[in-house]
Amino acid sequence: MANIVRFNPFDESFDDLLRGFFVRPMAVENEAGRPVQFRMDVKEEGNSYVVHAEIPGVKKEDIQVAVEGNQVSISAEVKRQSEEKQGERVLRSERYYGKVARAFTLGAELDSTAAQAKYNDGVLELVLPKKSAASAKTLTIQ
């Protein structure tokens, strides 16, 4: 016997058909259609955290880092253009732009005034020192 399946016009195949028609031009996606996220490593070294984030092809002026309490957010404007010409005819042109961002929470409060950021060869390095804990003060009762 054949199975009877109810037709749903809004299933995934319908989404694939319309992909790109109603999408914002700022969306940056990989070949699988998922948003692009940059890769990161977070290490704890003594009294600080060290973060390495791979953000290739971005100017350092287009990267923003915010540190508030124990939360860190990194965002970058991605602008890419490539064009293949043969003579005066353009055979292929690929352009995309958008914003990629990551945010995460660390286990300790951070000292945002002493934080440092370096960007070299597509890798953003953050050194985020931990805030020194307020020393406990004992009171003598008079």
N, C-alpha and C. Protein backbone atom coordinates (compact mmCIF):
# COMPACT_ATOMS: atom_id res chain seq x y z
N MET A 1 0.82 -1.18 0.00
CA MET A 1 0.00 0.00 0.00
C MET A 1 0.87 1.25 0.00
N ALA A 2 0.40 2.25 -0.63
CA ALA A 2 1.12 3.51 -0.69
C ALA A 2 0.75 4.37 0.52
N ASN A 3 1.74 5.06 1.03
CA ASN A 3 1.49 5.97 2.15
C ASN A 3 0.96 7.29 1.61
N ILE A 4 -0.04 7.82 2.23
CA ILE A 4 -0.59 9.11 1.83
C ILE A 4 0.04 10.17 2.72
N VAL A 5 0.62 11.18 2.08
CA VAL A 5 1.28 12.26 2.80
C VAL A 5 0.60 13.56 2.45
N ARG A 6 0.27 14.33 3.45
CA ARG A 6 -0.36 15.62 3.23
C ARG A 6 0.67 16.62 2.73
N PHE A 7 0.36 17.38 1.69
CA PHE A 7 1.27 18.37 1.11
C PHE A 7 1.30 19.62 1.98
N ASN A 8 2.49 20.04 2.35
CA ASN A 8 2.67 21.27 3.12
C ASN A 8 3.49 22.24 2.26
N PRO A 9 2.90 23.33 1.78
CA PRO A 9 3.64 24.25 0.91
C PRO A 9 4.74 25.01 1.63
N PHE A 10 4.76 24.97 2.96
CA PHE A 10 5.75 25.74 3.70
C PHE A 10 6.82 24.86 4.33
N ASP A 11 7.09 23.71 3.75
CA ASP A 11 8.13 22.85 4.28
C ASP A 11 9.49 23.33 3.78
N GLU A 12 10.55 22.58 4.06
CA GLU A 12 11.92 23.01 3.74
C GLU A 12 12.15 23.17 2.25
N SER A 13 11.52 22.35 1.40
CA SER A 13 11.75 22.48 -0.04
C SER A 13 11.21 23.81 -0.55
N PHE A 14 10.13 24.28 0.04
CA PHE A 14 9.58 25.58 -0.34
C PHE A 14 10.53 26.70 0.09
N ASP A 15 11.14 26.54 1.27
CA ASP A 15 12.12 27.53 1.74
C ASP A 15 13.32 27.58 0.81
N ASP A 16 13.77 26.41 0.34
CA ASP A 16 14.89 26.37 -0.59
C ASP A 16 14.54 27.05 -1.90
N LEU A 17 13.31 26.91 -2.35
CA LEU A 17 12.87 27.54 -3.59
C LEU A 17 12.94 29.06 -3.49
N LEU A 18 12.55 29.60 -2.34
CA LEU A 18 12.51 31.05 -2.16
C LEU A 18 13.76 31.64 -1.54
N ARG A 19 14.76 30.82 -1.26
CA ARG A 19 15.98 31.32 -0.64
C ARG A 19 16.59 32.42 -1.52
N GLY A 20 16.80 33.58 -0.92
CA GLY A 20 17.40 34.68 -1.65
C GLY A 20 16.39 35.73 -2.07
N PHE A 21 15.10 35.40 -2.19
CA PHE A 21 14.11 36.39 -2.60
C PHE A 21 13.76 37.35 -1.46
N PHE A 22 13.60 36.83 -0.25
CA PHE A 22 13.18 37.65 0.86
C PHE A 22 14.26 37.77 1.93
N VAL A 23 15.51 37.63 1.54
CA VAL A 23 16.62 37.67 2.47
C VAL A 23 17.23 39.05 2.45
N ARG A 24 17.61 39.54 3.64
CA ARG A 24 18.29 40.83 3.71
C ARG A 24 19.63 40.74 2.99
N PRO A 25 20.08 41.81 2.32
CA PRO A 25 21.36 41.76 1.63
C PRO A 25 22.54 41.66 2.58
N MET A 26 22.34 41.88 3.87
CA MET A 26 23.43 41.83 4.82
C MET A 26 23.76 40.41 5.28
N ALA A 27 22.95 39.44 4.93
CA ALA A 27 23.18 38.08 5.43
C ALA A 27 24.39 37.47 4.74
N VAL A 28 25.34 37.01 5.52
CA VAL A 28 26.52 36.32 5.00
C VAL A 28 26.35 34.86 5.35
N GLU A 29 26.33 34.00 4.35
CA GLU A 29 26.10 32.58 4.58
C GLU A 29 27.18 31.76 3.89
N ASN A 30 27.40 30.56 4.39
CA ASN A 30 28.31 29.64 3.73
C ASN A 30 27.53 28.84 2.69
N GLU A 31 28.18 27.85 2.08
CA GLU A 31 27.51 27.08 1.03
C GLU A 31 26.29 26.32 1.54
N ALA A 32 26.28 25.96 2.82
CA ALA A 32 25.15 25.22 3.37
C ALA A 32 23.99 26.14 3.74
N GLY A 33 24.16 27.45 3.56
CA GLY A 33 23.10 28.39 3.86
C GLY A 33 23.03 28.80 5.31
N ARG A 34 24.07 28.49 6.08
CA ARG A 34 24.09 28.85 7.49
C ARG A 34 24.89 30.14 7.67
N PRO A 35 24.54 30.96 8.67
CA PRO A 35 25.31 32.18 8.91
C PRO A 35 26.76 31.86 9.24
N VAL A 36 27.67 32.68 8.75
CA VAL A 36 29.09 32.48 8.97
C VAL A 36 29.45 32.99 10.36
N GLN A 37 30.18 32.21 11.12
CA GLN A 37 30.71 32.64 12.41
C GLN A 37 32.20 32.41 12.39
N PHE A 38 32.92 33.31 13.02
CA PHE A 38 34.36 33.13 13.07
C PHE A 38 34.71 32.20 14.23
N ARG A 39 35.86 31.58 14.11
CA ARG A 39 36.29 30.59 15.10
C ARG A 39 37.13 31.26 16.17
N MET A 40 37.01 30.74 17.40
CA MET A 40 37.72 31.34 18.53
C MET A 40 38.33 30.28 19.43
N ASP A 41 39.41 30.67 20.10
CA ASP A 41 40.02 29.89 21.17
C ASP A 41 40.04 30.79 22.40
N VAL A 42 39.62 30.27 23.54
CA VAL A 42 39.65 31.02 24.79
C VAL A 42 40.47 30.22 25.79
N LYS A 43 41.51 30.86 26.34
CA LYS A 43 42.38 30.20 27.31
C LYS A 43 42.45 31.03 28.57
N GLU A 44 42.60 30.36 29.70
CA GLU A 44 42.81 31.05 30.97
C GLU A 44 44.27 30.89 31.33
N GLU A 45 44.96 32.03 31.48
CA GLU A 45 46.38 32.02 31.80
C GLU A 45 46.60 32.87 33.05
N GLY A 46 46.74 32.23 34.18
CA GLY A 46 46.99 32.94 35.43
C GLY A 46 45.85 33.88 35.78
N ASN A 47 46.13 35.17 35.74
CA ASN A 47 45.16 36.18 36.14
C ASN A 47 44.45 36.83 34.96
N SER A 48 44.44 36.17 33.81
CA SER A 48 43.79 36.77 32.64
C SER A 48 43.28 35.68 31.70
N TYR A 49 42.44 36.09 30.79
CA TYR A 49 41.96 35.24 29.71
C TYR A 49 42.60 35.72 28.41
N VAL A 50 42.95 34.77 27.55
CA VAL A 50 43.49 35.11 26.23
C VAL A 50 42.56 34.52 25.18
N VAL A 51 42.10 35.39 24.27
CA VAL A 51 41.15 34.98 23.23
C VAL A 51 41.83 35.17 21.88
N HIS A 52 41.79 34.15 21.04
CA HIS A 52 42.25 34.25 19.65
C HIS A 52 41.04 34.01 18.76
N ALA A 53 40.70 34.98 17.92
CA ALA A 53 39.56 34.87 17.02
C ALA A 53 40.05 35.03 15.59
N GLU A 54 39.70 34.07 14.73
CA GLU A 54 40.07 34.14 13.31
C GLU A 54 39.03 34.97 12.56
N ILE A 55 39.45 36.13 12.08
CA ILE A 55 38.57 37.00 11.30
C ILE A 55 39.35 37.44 10.06
N PRO A 56 39.55 36.55 9.10
CA PRO A 56 40.38 36.89 7.94
C PRO A 56 39.67 37.83 6.97
N GLY A 57 40.47 38.64 6.30
CA GLY A 57 39.96 39.51 5.25
C GLY A 57 39.21 40.73 5.74
N VAL A 58 39.38 41.09 7.00
CA VAL A 58 38.69 42.24 7.58
C VAL A 58 39.74 43.25 8.02
N LYS A 59 39.47 44.53 7.78
CA LYS A 59 40.37 45.58 8.25
C LYS A 59 40.18 45.76 9.75
N LYS A 60 41.25 46.12 10.44
CA LYS A 60 41.14 46.27 11.90
C LYS A 60 40.20 47.39 12.28
N GLU A 61 39.98 48.35 11.41
CA GLU A 61 39.04 49.44 11.67
C GLU A 61 37.59 48.95 11.67
N ASP A 62 37.33 47.80 11.05
CA ASP A 62 35.98 47.26 10.95
C ASP A 62 35.64 46.26 12.06
N ILE A 63 36.52 46.14 13.06
CA ILE A 63 36.29 45.20 14.16
C ILE A 63 35.96 46.00 15.43
N GLN A 64 34.92 45.57 16.12
CA GLN A 64 34.53 46.20 17.39
C GLN A 64 34.54 45.14 18.49
N VAL A 65 35.13 45.50 19.62
CA VAL A 65 35.16 44.61 20.79
C VAL A 65 34.59 45.38 21.97
N ALA A 66 33.65 44.77 22.68
CA ALA A 66 33.06 45.38 23.87
C ALA A 66 33.23 44.43 25.05
N VAL A 67 33.69 44.97 26.17
CA VAL A 67 33.88 44.21 27.40
C VAL A 67 33.06 44.89 28.48
N GLU A 68 32.14 44.12 29.07
CA GLU A 68 31.30 44.67 30.13
C GLU A 68 31.09 43.60 31.19
N GLY A 69 31.64 43.84 32.37
CA GLY A 69 31.54 42.84 33.44
C GLY A 69 32.32 41.60 33.06
N ASN A 70 31.62 40.48 32.92
CA ASN A 70 32.28 39.24 32.48
C ASN A 70 31.84 38.83 31.08
N GLN A 71 31.20 39.76 30.36
CA GLN A 71 30.73 39.48 29.00
C GLN A 71 31.62 40.17 27.96
N VAL A 72 31.89 39.44 26.89
CA VAL A 72 32.72 39.96 25.80
C VAL A 72 31.94 39.78 24.51
N SER A 73 31.90 40.81 23.69
CA SER A 73 31.27 40.67 22.37
C SER A 73 32.23 41.20 21.31
N ILE A 74 32.32 40.45 20.23
CA ILE A 74 33.19 40.80 19.11
C ILE A 74 32.33 40.85 17.87
N SER A 75 32.42 41.93 17.10
CA SER A 75 31.69 42.02 15.83
C SER A 75 32.61 42.61 14.77
N ALA A 76 32.34 42.26 13.52
CA ALA A 76 33.17 42.73 12.42
C ALA A 76 32.33 42.91 11.17
N GLU A 77 32.66 43.92 10.39
CA GLU A 77 32.01 44.15 9.10
C GLU A 77 32.82 43.40 8.04
N VAL A 78 32.17 42.50 7.33
CA VAL A 78 32.82 41.71 6.29
C VAL A 78 32.44 42.31 4.95
N LYS A 79 33.46 42.66 4.16
CA LYS A 79 33.22 43.21 2.83
C LYS A 79 34.16 42.49 1.87
N ARG A 80 33.59 41.75 0.94
CA ARG A 80 34.42 41.00 -0.01
C ARG A 80 33.94 41.24 -1.42
N GLN A 81 34.87 41.39 -2.31
CA GLN A 81 34.55 41.53 -3.72
C GLN A 81 35.58 40.76 -4.52
N SER A 82 35.12 40.04 -5.52
CA SER A 82 36.04 39.42 -6.46
C SER A 82 35.38 39.47 -7.83
N GLU A 83 36.19 39.71 -8.82
CA GLU A 83 35.64 39.86 -10.16
C GLU A 83 36.62 39.25 -11.15
N GLU A 84 36.12 38.44 -12.04
CA GLU A 84 36.95 37.83 -13.07
C GLU A 84 36.59 38.45 -14.41
N LYS A 85 37.59 39.02 -15.08
CA LYS A 85 37.34 39.66 -16.38
C LYS A 85 38.13 38.94 -17.47
N GLN A 86 37.55 38.94 -18.62
CA GLN A 86 38.24 38.42 -19.79
C GLN A 86 38.06 39.48 -20.86
N GLY A 87 39.12 40.25 -21.10
CA GLY A 87 38.99 41.36 -22.01
C GLY A 87 38.14 42.44 -21.35
N GLU A 88 37.11 42.89 -22.02
CA GLU A 88 36.22 43.91 -21.49
C GLU A 88 34.94 43.32 -20.91
N ARG A 89 34.74 42.02 -21.06
CA ARG A 89 33.53 41.36 -20.57
C ARG A 89 33.74 40.81 -19.18
N VAL A 90 32.81 41.02 -18.30
CA VAL A 90 32.87 40.44 -16.96
C VAL A 90 32.21 39.07 -17.04
N LEU A 91 32.99 38.05 -16.72
CA LEU A 91 32.46 36.69 -16.78
C LEU A 91 31.85 36.26 -15.46
N ARG A 92 32.39 36.74 -14.37
CA ARG A 92 31.89 36.33 -13.07
C ARG A 92 32.17 37.44 -12.06
N SER A 93 31.20 37.74 -11.24
CA SER A 93 31.35 38.75 -10.21
C SER A 93 30.71 38.24 -8.93
N GLU A 94 31.48 38.19 -7.85
CA GLU A 94 30.95 37.73 -6.56
C GLU A 94 31.19 38.83 -5.54
N ARG A 95 30.13 39.26 -4.89
CA ARG A 95 30.23 40.28 -3.87
C ARG A 95 29.34 39.88 -2.70
N TYR A 96 29.82 40.10 -1.52
CA TYR A 96 28.97 39.96 -0.35
C TYR A 96 29.53 40.82 0.76
N TYR A 97 28.65 41.18 1.63
CA TYR A 97 29.03 41.98 2.77
C TYR A 97 28.06 41.67 3.90
N GLY A 98 28.47 42.01 5.08
CA GLY A 98 27.60 41.75 6.21
C GLY A 98 28.34 41.91 7.51
N LYS A 99 27.69 41.55 8.58
CA LYS A 99 28.26 41.68 9.91
C LYS A 99 28.26 40.31 10.57
N VAL A 100 29.39 39.94 11.12
CA VAL A 100 29.49 38.71 11.89
C VAL A 100 29.77 39.09 13.34
N ALA A 101 29.22 38.32 14.26
CA ALA A 101 29.39 38.66 15.66
C ALA A 101 29.37 37.42 16.53
N ARG A 102 30.09 37.49 17.63
CA ARG A 102 30.07 36.45 18.66
C ARG A 102 30.07 37.14 20.01
N ALA A 103 29.38 36.56 20.95
CA ALA A 103 29.37 37.07 22.33
C ALA A 103 29.47 35.87 23.26
N PHE A 104 30.17 36.06 24.37
CA PHE A 104 30.34 34.97 25.32
C PHE A 104 30.57 35.55 26.71
N THR A 105 30.36 34.69 27.71
CA THR A 105 30.51 35.07 29.10
C THR A 105 31.65 34.26 29.71
N LEU A 106 32.51 34.94 30.47
CA LEU A 106 33.62 34.28 31.13
C LEU A 106 33.31 34.10 32.61
N GLY A 107 34.11 33.30 33.29
CA GLY A 107 33.82 32.94 34.66
C GLY A 107 34.14 34.00 35.70
N ALA A 108 34.86 35.05 35.33
CA ALA A 108 35.23 36.07 36.30
C ALA A 108 35.00 37.46 35.71
N GLU A 109 34.83 38.45 36.59
CA GLU A 109 34.70 39.83 36.14
C GLU A 109 36.01 40.26 35.49
N LEU A 110 35.90 41.08 34.44
CA LEU A 110 37.08 41.50 33.68
C LEU A 110 37.40 42.96 33.97
N ASP A 111 38.69 43.28 33.92
CA ASP A 111 39.15 44.65 34.07
C ASP A 111 39.24 45.26 32.68
N SER A 112 38.18 45.95 32.26
CA SER A 112 38.11 46.46 30.89
C SER A 112 39.13 47.58 30.63
N THR A 113 39.59 48.25 31.68
CA THR A 113 40.57 49.33 31.48
C THR A 113 41.95 48.79 31.13
N ALA A 114 42.27 47.58 31.56
CA ALA A 114 43.58 46.99 31.28
C ALA A 114 43.55 46.00 30.12
N ALA A 115 42.40 45.82 29.49
CA ALA A 115 42.28 44.86 28.38
C ALA A 115 43.07 45.37 27.17
N GLN A 116 43.63 44.42 26.41
CA GLN A 116 44.41 44.75 25.21
C GLN A 116 43.91 43.95 24.03
N ALA A 117 44.00 44.56 22.83
CA ALA A 117 43.59 43.89 21.60
C ALA A 117 44.64 44.12 20.52
N LYS A 118 44.98 43.04 19.79
CA LYS A 118 45.91 43.12 18.66
C LYS A 118 45.29 42.37 17.49
N TYR A 119 45.50 42.87 16.29
CA TYR A 119 45.00 42.18 15.09
C TYR A 119 46.16 42.05 14.12
N ASN A 120 46.49 40.79 13.79
CA ASN A 120 47.62 40.54 12.91
C ASN A 120 47.34 39.29 12.07
N ASP A 121 47.50 39.40 10.77
CA ASP A 121 47.34 38.28 9.83
C ASP A 121 46.00 37.57 9.98
N GLY A 122 44.92 38.33 10.18
CA GLY A 122 43.59 37.76 10.24
C GLY A 122 43.20 37.16 11.58
N VAL A 123 44.06 37.32 12.59
CA VAL A 123 43.77 36.78 13.92
C VAL A 123 43.71 37.93 14.92
N LEU A 124 42.59 38.02 15.61
CA LEU A 124 42.41 39.01 16.67
C LEU A 124 42.80 38.36 17.99
N GLU A 125 43.71 39.01 18.72
CA GLU A 125 44.14 38.50 20.02
C GLU A 125 43.70 39.47 21.10
N LEU A 126 42.95 38.97 22.07
CA LEU A 126 42.50 39.77 23.20
C LEU A 126 43.16 39.24 24.46
N VAL A 127 43.70 40.13 25.27
CA VAL A 127 44.20 39.78 26.59
C VAL A 127 43.28 40.50 27.57
N LEU A 128 42.51 39.71 28.31
CA LEU A 128 41.48 40.23 29.20
C LEU A 128 41.82 39.90 30.65
N PRO A 129 42.45 40.85 31.38
CA PRO A 129 42.80 40.56 32.77
C PRO A 129 41.57 40.49 33.66
N LYS A 130 41.65 39.60 34.63
CA LYS A 130 40.56 39.47 35.60
C LYS A 130 40.63 40.64 36.57
N LYS A 131 39.47 41.07 37.03
CA LYS A 131 39.42 42.12 38.03
C LYS A 131 39.89 41.53 39.35
N SER A 132 40.74 42.26 40.04
CA SER A 132 41.20 41.75 41.33
C SER A 132 40.05 41.78 42.31
N ALA A 133 39.89 40.70 43.00
CA ALA A 133 38.78 40.61 43.95
C ALA A 133 39.02 41.58 45.09
N ALA A 134 37.97 42.22 45.50
CA ALA A 134 38.09 43.15 46.63
C ALA A 134 38.50 42.36 47.86
N SER A 135 39.53 42.84 48.49
CA SER A 135 40.00 42.10 49.66
C SER A 135 38.98 42.22 50.79
N ALA A 136 38.77 41.14 51.44
CA ALA A 136 37.81 41.13 52.54
C ALA A 136 38.38 41.88 53.72
N LYS A 137 37.57 42.70 54.30
CA LYS A 137 38.03 43.49 55.44
C LYS A 137 37.26 43.05 56.67
N THR A 138 38.00 42.74 57.70
CA THR A 138 37.33 42.35 58.95
C THR A 138 37.26 43.57 59.85
N LEU A 139 36.17 43.71 60.50
CA LEU A 139 35.96 44.85 61.37
C LEU A 139 36.11 44.40 62.83
N THR A 140 36.77 45.23 63.60
CA THR A 140 36.86 44.95 65.02
C THR A 140 35.69 45.65 65.72
N ILE A 141 35.09 44.95 66.59
CA ILE A 141 33.94 45.49 67.30
C ILE A 141 34.41 46.19 68.56
N GLN A 142 33.97 47.41 68.72
CA GLN A 142 34.41 48.19 69.89
C GLN A 142 33.34 48.23 70.93
